[in-house]
Amino acid sequence: MEKDAEFLEYVVKGLVDHPEAVKINRTVDEMGVLLSLDVHPEDMGKIIGRSGNTAKAMRILLRVVGMKNNARVNLKINEPEGGRKTDAPQSASMKSVDDVMEDLKL
């Protein structure tokens, strides 16, 4: 395994609750190195972080590792199976803007 993938594996396994589910796929093309990361669905929040800050930090560190080896390194975090549901119904606690406006009598 290359240094960039080893580094990513070390960092990610240190953050997640399911280190056995961490999978990294490394591909190289004319654009540089692409590391594709798969984690357990329950660990996505830990990898992304609040406002995406953890993912941003990992990407910055990978670029630094890449510069040391004269390579451009990019990170792609794959959506897990059964991940984000875009067509899921709103939860019972969520109200629409219209409902809130009506509640406030605006």
C-alpha atoms as a PDB file:
ATOM      1  CA  MET A   1       0.000   0.000   0.000  1.00  0.00           C
ATOM      2  CA  GLU A   2       1.280   3.477  -0.865  1.00  0.00           C
ATOM      3  CA  LYS A   3       2.058   6.060   1.824  1.00  0.00           C
ATOM      4  CA  ASP A   4      -1.007   8.219   1.063  1.00  0.00           C
ATOM      5  CA  ALA A   5      -3.411   5.267   1.389  1.00  0.00           C
ATOM      6  CA  GLU A   6      -1.620   4.035   4.546  1.00  0.00           C
ATOM      7  CA  PHE A   7      -1.923   7.495   6.069  1.00  0.00           C
ATOM      8  CA  LEU A   8      -5.641   7.730   5.229  1.00  0.00           C
ATOM      9  CA  GLU A   9      -6.301   4.252   6.615  1.00  0.00           C
ATOM     10  CA  TYR A  10      -4.521   5.117   9.867  1.00  0.00           C
ATOM     11  CA  VAL A  11      -6.479   8.363  10.336  1.00  0.00           C
ATOM     12  CA  VAL A  12      -9.882   6.943   9.385  1.00  0.00           C
ATOM     13  CA  LYS A  13      -9.546   3.788  11.496  1.00  0.00           C
ATOM     14  CA  GLY A  14      -8.678   6.022  14.455  1.00  0.00           C
ATOM     15  CA  LEU A  15     -11.937   7.965  14.029  1.00  0.00           C
ATOM     16  CA  VAL A  16     -14.555   5.288  13.352  1.00  0.00           C
ATOM     17  CA  ASP A  17     -16.411   2.752  15.505  1.00  0.00           C
ATOM     18  CA  HIS A  18     -16.222   0.063  12.787  1.00  0.00           C
ATOM     19  CA  PRO A  19     -12.572   0.001  11.607  1.00  0.00           C
ATOM     20  CA  GLU A  20     -13.080  -3.423  10.017  1.00  0.00           C
ATOM     21  CA  ALA A  21     -15.488  -1.829   7.504  1.00  0.00           C
ATOM     22  CA  VAL A  22     -12.948   0.748   6.242  1.00  0.00           C
ATOM     23  CA  LYS A  23     -12.001   0.141   2.607  1.00  0.00           C
ATOM     24  CA  ILE A  24      -9.709   2.319   0.519  1.00  0.00           C
ATOM     25  CA  ASN A  25      -9.354   2.017  -3.238  1.00  0.00           C
ATOM     26  CA  ARG A  26      -6.367   3.811  -4.807  1.00  0.00           C
ATOM     27  CA  THR A  27      -6.300   4.684  -8.492  1.00  0.00           C
ATOM     28  CA  VAL A  28      -3.744   6.698 -10.428  1.00  0.00           C
ATOM     29  CA  ASP A  29      -4.366   8.530 -13.704  1.00  0.00           C
ATOM     30  CA  GLU A  30      -3.195  11.674 -15.502  1.00  0.00           C
ATOM     31  CA  MET A  31      -5.030  13.807 -12.893  1.00  0.00           C
ATOM     32  CA  GLY A  32      -3.082  12.272 -10.010  1.00  0.00           C
ATOM     33  CA  VAL A  33      -4.042   9.881  -7.229  1.00  0.00           C
ATOM     34  CA  LEU A  34      -7.656   9.251  -6.255  1.00  0.00           C
ATOM     35  CA  LEU A  35      -8.374   7.598  -2.921  1.00  0.00           C
ATOM     36  CA  SER A  36     -11.955   6.309  -2.665  1.00  0.00           C
ATOM     37  CA  LEU A  37     -13.090   5.699   0.888  1.00  0.00           C
ATOM     38  CA  ASP A  38     -15.870   3.371   2.028  1.00  0.00           C
ATOM     39  CA  VAL A  39     -16.922   3.238   5.690  1.00  0.00           C
ATOM     40  CA  HIS A  40     -19.754   1.734   7.731  1.00  0.00           C
ATOM     41  CA  PRO A  41     -22.939   3.851   7.380  1.00  0.00           C
ATOM     42  CA  GLU A  42     -22.938   4.636  11.121  1.00  0.00           C
ATOM     43  CA  ASP A  43     -19.443   6.160  10.776  1.00  0.00           C
ATOM     44  CA  MET A  44     -20.231   8.642   7.988  1.00  0.00           C
ATOM     45  CA  GLY A  45     -20.872  11.488  10.425  1.00  0.00           C
ATOM     46  CA  LYS A  46     -17.498  10.972  12.090  1.00  0.00           C
ATOM     47  CA  ILE A  47     -15.711  11.030   8.718  1.00  0.00           C
ATOM     48  CA  ILE A  48     -17.544  14.073   7.355  1.00  0.00           C
ATOM     49  CA  GLY A  49     -17.524  16.026  10.622  1.00  0.00           C
ATOM     50  CA  ARG A  50     -19.485  19.107  11.566  1.00  0.00           C
ATOM     51  CA  SER A  51     -19.916  21.263   8.428  1.00  0.00           C
ATOM     52  CA  GLY A  52     -17.598  18.876   6.609  1.00  0.00           C
ATOM     53  CA  ASN A  53     -14.580  20.027   8.599  1.00  0.00           C
ATOM     54  CA  THR A  54     -13.130  16.566   9.272  1.00  0.00           C
ATOM     55  CA  ALA A  55     -13.315  15.629   5.580  1.00  0.00           C
ATOM     56  CA  LYS A  56     -11.734  18.992   4.632  1.00  0.00           C
ATOM     57  CA  ALA A  57      -8.901  18.453   7.091  1.00  0.00           C
ATOM     58  CA  MET A  58      -8.215  14.949   5.752  1.00  0.00           C
ATOM     59  CA  ARG A  59      -8.143  16.306   2.184  1.00  0.00           C
ATOM     60  CA  ILE A  60      -5.668  19.037   3.163  1.00  0.00           C
ATOM     61  CA  LEU A  61      -3.399  16.553   4.931  1.00  0.00           C
ATOM     62  CA  LEU A  62      -3.549  14.175   1.951  1.00  0.00           C
ATOM     63  CA  ARG A  63      -2.485  17.014  -0.360  1.00  0.00           C
ATOM     64  CA  VAL A  64       0.502  17.653   1.910  1.00  0.00           C
ATOM     65  CA  VAL A  65       1.408  13.950   1.870  1.00  0.00           C
ATOM     66  CA  GLY A  66       1.029  14.010  -1.909  1.00  0.00           C
ATOM     67  CA  MET A  67       3.250  17.091  -2.314  1.00  0.00           C
ATOM     68  CA  LYS A  68       5.979  15.302  -0.408  1.00  0.00           C
ATOM     69  CA  ASN A  69       5.780  12.531  -3.033  1.00  0.00           C
ATOM     70  CA  ASN A  70       5.220  14.870  -6.028  1.00  0.00           C
ATOM     71  CA  ALA A  71       1.656  13.665  -6.565  1.00  0.00           C
ATOM     72  CA  ARG A  72      -1.757  15.311  -6.442  1.00  0.00           C
ATOM     73  CA  VAL A  73      -3.932  13.314  -4.051  1.00  0.00           C
ATOM     74  CA  ASN A  74      -7.728  13.613  -3.965  1.00  0.00           C
ATOM     75  CA  LEU A  75     -10.191  11.962  -1.595  1.00  0.00           C
ATOM     76  CA  LYS A  76     -13.642  10.707  -2.581  1.00  0.00           C
ATOM     77  CA  ILE A  77     -15.911   9.573   0.236  1.00  0.00           C
ATOM     78  CA  ASN A  78     -18.430   7.083  -1.143  1.00  0.00           C
ATOM     79  CA  GLU A  79     -22.048   7.198   0.017  1.00  0.00           C
ATOM     80  CA  PRO A  80     -22.774   3.937   1.886  1.00  0.00           C
ATOM     81  CA  GLU A  81     -25.531   1.546   0.817  1.00  0.00           C
ATOM     82  CA  GLY A  82     -28.803   2.759   2.305  1.00  0.00           C
ATOM     83  CA  GLY A  83     -27.252   6.181   2.892  1.00  0.00           C
ATOM     84  CA  ARG A  84     -28.944   9.530   2.549  1.00  0.00           C
ATOM     85  CA  LYS A  85     -32.577   9.217   1.511  1.00  0.00           C
ATOM     86  CA  THR A  86     -33.500  12.186  -0.667  1.00  0.00           C
ATOM     87  CA  ASP A  87     -37.107  11.089  -1.111  1.00  0.00           C
ATOM     88  CA  ALA A  88     -37.691  10.100   2.526  1.00  0.00           C
ATOM     89  CA  PRO A  89     -40.762  11.601   4.168  1.00  0.00           C
ATOM     90  CA  GLN A  90     -40.182  14.369   6.685  1.00  0.00           C
ATOM     91  CA  SER A  91     -39.983  13.168  10.249  1.00  0.00           C
ATOM     92  CA  ALA A  92     -42.976  13.858  12.467  1.00  0.00           C
ATOM     93  CA  SER A  93     -41.037  16.522  14.380  1.00  0.00           C
ATOM     94  CA  MET A  94     -40.206  18.469  11.198  1.00  0.00           C
ATOM     95  CA  LYS A  95     -42.685  21.162  10.178  1.00  0.00           C
ATOM     96  CA  SER A  96     -42.866  22.916   6.858  1.00  0.00           C
ATOM     97  CA  VAL A  97     -42.280  26.657   6.623  1.00  0.00           C
ATOM     98  CA  ASP A  98     -46.019  27.136   5.978  1.00  0.00           C
ATOM     99  CA  ASP A  99     -46.907  25.226   9.168  1.00  0.00           C
ATOM    100  CA  VAL A 100     -44.522  27.331  11.229  1.00  0.00           C
ATOM    101  CA  MET A 101     -45.837  30.567   9.700  1.00  0.00           C
ATOM    102  CA  GLU A 102     -49.398  29.476  10.517  1.00  0.00           C
ATOM    103  CA  ASP A 103     -48.382  28.611  14.090  1.00  0.00           C
ATOM    104  CA  LEU A 104     -46.902  32.094  14.454  1.00  0.00           C
ATOM    105  CA  LYS A 105     -50.001  33.652  12.847  1.00  0.00           C
ATOM    106  CA  LEU A 106     -47.847  35.494  10.320  1.00  0.00           C
END
